[in-house]
Protein backbone atom coordinates (compact mmCIF):
# COMPACT_ATOMS: atom_id res chain seq x y z
CA MET A 1 186.24 181.63 175.57
CA SER A 2 187.30 181.22 178.90
CA PHE A 3 190.93 180.04 179.59
CA TYR A 4 189.91 176.77 180.75
CA ILE A 5 187.71 175.87 177.92
CA THR A 6 190.00 177.27 175.49
CA PRO A 7 192.34 174.19 175.71
CA ALA A 8 189.64 171.40 175.89
CA TYR A 9 188.20 172.86 172.87
CA LEU A 10 191.28 173.10 170.54
CA SER A 11 192.38 169.40 171.78
CA ARG A 12 189.02 168.41 170.59
CA ARG A 13 189.30 169.96 167.22
CA ARG A 14 192.88 167.99 166.70
CA ARG A 15 191.21 164.83 167.53
CA VAL A 16 188.33 164.92 165.48
CA GLY A 17 190.47 167.05 162.52
CA GLU A 18 187.72 169.90 162.67
CA GLY A 19 189.46 173.07 160.71
CA GLY A 20 189.61 175.84 162.98
CA GLY A 21 188.73 179.66 162.38
CA PRO A 22 185.54 181.28 161.22
CA GLY A 23 183.94 178.59 158.12
CA GLY A 24 186.21 175.91 159.29
CA HIS A 25 183.96 173.50 160.89
CA LYS A 26 182.33 170.32 159.85
CA HIS A 27 178.95 169.93 159.77
CA VAL A 28 178.18 166.84 161.74
CA GLY A 29 175.61 165.78 159.46
CA GLY A 30 178.07 165.44 156.35
CA HIS A 31 179.64 162.13 157.87
CA THR A 32 176.34 160.28 157.51
CA ALA A 33 176.20 160.32 153.42
CA TRP A 34 178.24 156.75 153.56
CA LEU A 35 175.45 155.34 155.12
CA LEU A 36 172.96 156.02 152.86
CA PRO A 37 171.86 154.25 149.96
CA GLU A 38 170.96 155.42 146.58
CA GLY A 39 167.34 157.37 146.86
CA ILE A 40 167.36 158.15 150.50
CA ALA A 41 168.35 161.07 152.22
CA GLY A 42 168.66 163.20 155.41
CA ALA A 43 169.86 162.51 158.88
CA ASP A 44 166.94 160.87 160.36
CA SER A 45 167.15 158.36 157.61
CA ALA A 46 170.78 157.64 158.49
CA ALA A 47 169.99 157.48 162.03
CA ARG A 48 166.95 154.77 161.18
CA LEU A 49 169.68 153.00 159.18
CA LEU A 50 172.76 152.94 161.64
CA LEU A 51 171.89 149.74 163.65
CA PRO A 52 170.86 147.68 160.56
CA ARG A 53 173.67 148.55 158.73
CA LYS A 54 176.06 147.67 161.47
CA LEU A 55 174.30 144.48 161.83
CA GLN A 56 174.85 143.81 158.23
CA GLU A 57 178.58 144.40 158.14
CA HIS A 58 178.66 142.33 161.06
CA ALA A 59 176.91 139.63 159.12
CA ARG A 60 179.07 140.00 155.77
CA GLY A 61 182.24 139.69 158.43
CA THR A 62 181.08 136.32 159.63
CA LEU A 63 180.39 135.21 156.19
CA ARG A 64 183.85 136.15 155.33
CA ASP A 65 185.43 134.39 158.06
CA LEU A 66 183.63 131.28 157.34
CA ASP A 67 185.81 128.39 156.94
CA PRO A 68 185.50 126.90 153.42
CA LYS A 69 185.62 123.46 154.99
CA LEU A 70 182.79 123.75 156.73
CA ILE A 71 181.08 124.48 153.42
CA ALA A 72 182.39 121.61 151.99
CA GLU A 73 181.14 119.52 154.94
CA LEU A 74 177.50 121.45 154.52
CA LYS A 75 177.64 120.12 151.09
CA SER A 76 178.36 116.52 152.26
CA TYR A 77 175.17 116.22 153.76
CA ASN A 78 173.07 113.51 151.36
CA ALA A 79 169.74 114.28 153.61
CA PRO A 80 170.07 117.11 155.13
CA PRO A 81 167.07 118.08 157.66
CA ASP A 82 164.24 119.80 156.41
CA SER A 83 165.46 123.40 157.93
CA VAL A 84 169.15 123.16 156.23
CA HIS A 85 167.36 122.94 153.11
CA ARG A 86 164.67 125.85 153.90
CA VAL A 87 167.57 128.05 154.93
CA CYS A 88 169.41 127.61 151.93
CA VAL A 89 166.29 128.20 149.78
CA GLY A 90 165.52 131.11 151.50
CA VAL A 91 169.01 132.51 150.84
CA TYR A 92 168.91 131.69 147.38
CA CYS A 93 165.66 133.36 146.63
CA VAL A 94 166.64 136.36 147.87
CA LEU A 95 169.79 136.34 145.77
CA GLY A 96 166.99 135.82 142.29
CA ARG A 97 167.02 132.41 142.24
CA LYS A 98 163.77 130.60 141.74
CA PRO A 99 162.82 128.06 144.21
CA LYS A 100 161.35 125.69 140.96
CA GLU A 101 165.32 125.42 139.92
CA LEU A 102 166.25 124.44 143.58
CA GLY A 103 163.56 121.98 144.33
CA GLU A 104 165.53 118.61 145.55
CA TRP A 105 168.65 118.92 147.80
CA SER A 106 170.99 118.04 145.38
CA ARG A 107 170.29 120.77 143.03
CA VAL A 108 170.71 123.37 146.15
CA ARG A 109 173.86 121.59 147.37
CA GLU A 110 175.29 122.31 143.47
CA VAL A 111 175.26 125.87 144.08
CA LEU A 112 176.57 126.00 147.79
CA SER A 113 180.26 127.23 147.35
CA GLU A 114 182.57 130.14 148.35
CA ALA A 115 181.18 131.88 145.20
CA LEU A 116 177.95 131.81 146.87
CA LEU A 117 179.30 133.68 150.10
CA LYS A 118 181.02 136.33 148.19
CA GLU A 119 177.37 136.52 146.45
CA MET A 120 176.02 137.01 149.56
CA GLU A 121 178.58 139.40 150.55
CA ALA A 122 178.32 141.87 148.00
CA PHE A 123 174.56 141.47 148.04
CA ASP A 124 172.68 145.17 148.74
CA ALA A 125 169.22 144.95 150.57
CA THR A 126 168.71 148.52 150.34
CA GLY A 127 168.34 149.03 146.61
CA ARG A 128 164.80 149.39 145.09
CA GLY A 129 164.06 145.77 143.91
CA LYS A 130 161.14 143.27 143.17
CA LYS A 131 159.15 141.91 146.00
CA LEU A 132 158.72 138.58 144.70
CA PRO A 133 162.31 137.09 145.83
CA TRP A 134 161.88 138.73 149.26
CA ALA A 135 158.32 136.69 149.37
CA ARG A 136 159.78 133.81 147.81
CA SER A 137 162.46 133.69 150.51
CA ARG A 138 159.90 134.37 153.41
CA LYS A 139 157.63 131.43 152.19
CA ALA A 140 160.53 129.02 152.28
CA THR A 141 161.70 129.96 155.81
CA LYS A 142 158.26 130.53 157.34
CA GLY A 143 158.12 129.16 160.71
CA LEU A 144 161.85 128.93 161.34
CA SER A 145 163.49 130.43 164.16
CA SER A 146 167.38 130.37 164.84
CA ASP A 147 167.09 127.97 167.70
CA GLU A 148 165.52 125.69 165.27
CA VAL A 149 168.25 125.98 162.83
CA PHE A 150 171.07 125.64 165.36
CA ARG A 151 169.67 122.85 166.84
CA LYS A 152 168.98 120.86 163.30
CA GLY A 153 171.79 122.35 161.54
CA SER A 154 175.00 123.46 162.11
CA LEU A 155 177.10 126.91 162.17
CA PRO A 156 177.30 127.36 158.26
CA VAL A 157 173.52 126.81 158.12
CA LEU A 158 173.12 129.46 161.39
CA THR A 159 175.32 132.01 159.61
CA LEU A 160 173.53 131.82 156.09
CA PHE A 161 169.93 132.50 158.40
CA LYS A 162 171.53 135.24 160.08
CA TRP A 163 172.46 136.94 157.28
CA LEU A 164 169.26 136.63 155.71
CA GLU A 165 167.33 137.66 158.70
CA VAL A 166 169.53 140.72 158.84
CA GLU A 167 169.54 141.25 155.05
CA ARG A 168 165.47 141.18 155.47
CA LEU A 169 165.96 143.87 158.71
CA VAL A 170 167.66 146.25 156.25
CA ARG A 171 165.71 145.93 153.41
CA LYS A 172 162.51 146.40 156.03
CA VAL A 173 164.09 149.68 157.19
CA SER A 174 165.28 151.07 153.96
CA THR A 175 162.09 150.74 152.46
CA VAL A 176 160.21 152.62 155.33
CA VAL A 177 162.58 155.35 154.82
CA ARG A 178 162.44 155.76 151.38
CA VAL A 179 158.42 155.83 151.59
CA GLY A 180 158.52 158.05 154.83
C-alpha cells in the first residue's frame, strides 16, 4: 500500500471496527443476518427486505408514540364513519380475529386498547402463516385509501391503517423472497 492510502485505510478500519491483519476482516454479508426472518437466507433477500423492514420499524415506532388519550377518544365514538370501522376490522383480521366476532362497532370498540397496540407492535408479518387472515383483512379494507381514512378518521385510525399497509408490504416481499 502506498503511504497516502494506508492512513485512510487504517482510520476506516478503526471506525468500522474491522480487525486488522490477515483474516481479520469481517465479511460484509455477516451484518445482514438480523434482517432475515427464519426460512429466508441470502444477501439478495436481505436487500429486498431492507426497505420494508425499515418501514415496519417506523410504523412500530409510530404505534409506540401514539398517545393513549387518542385511543380513548377513538373508543368514545358511538357511530364512527364506515372507514374507521373497516380499518379496525382489517387490523383485527391480520392479528387473527374473525370478522364475525367483530361485526358491530360496540364489539370493535371493546378490543381497542393499549394491549392491542402492543400486539400490533410485536406482530411479525414475515413468518409463514395462514392466508385467510390476510384475505379477510383485504376484504374489510377494500377500496380504502390513506386520504379517505385521514379525511374521515383521526390520527389513531390513520396510524392503524399505515401499520396495516406496511405489514402487508412486508408480508408480500417476504413471501416472494421465500418462494424465489
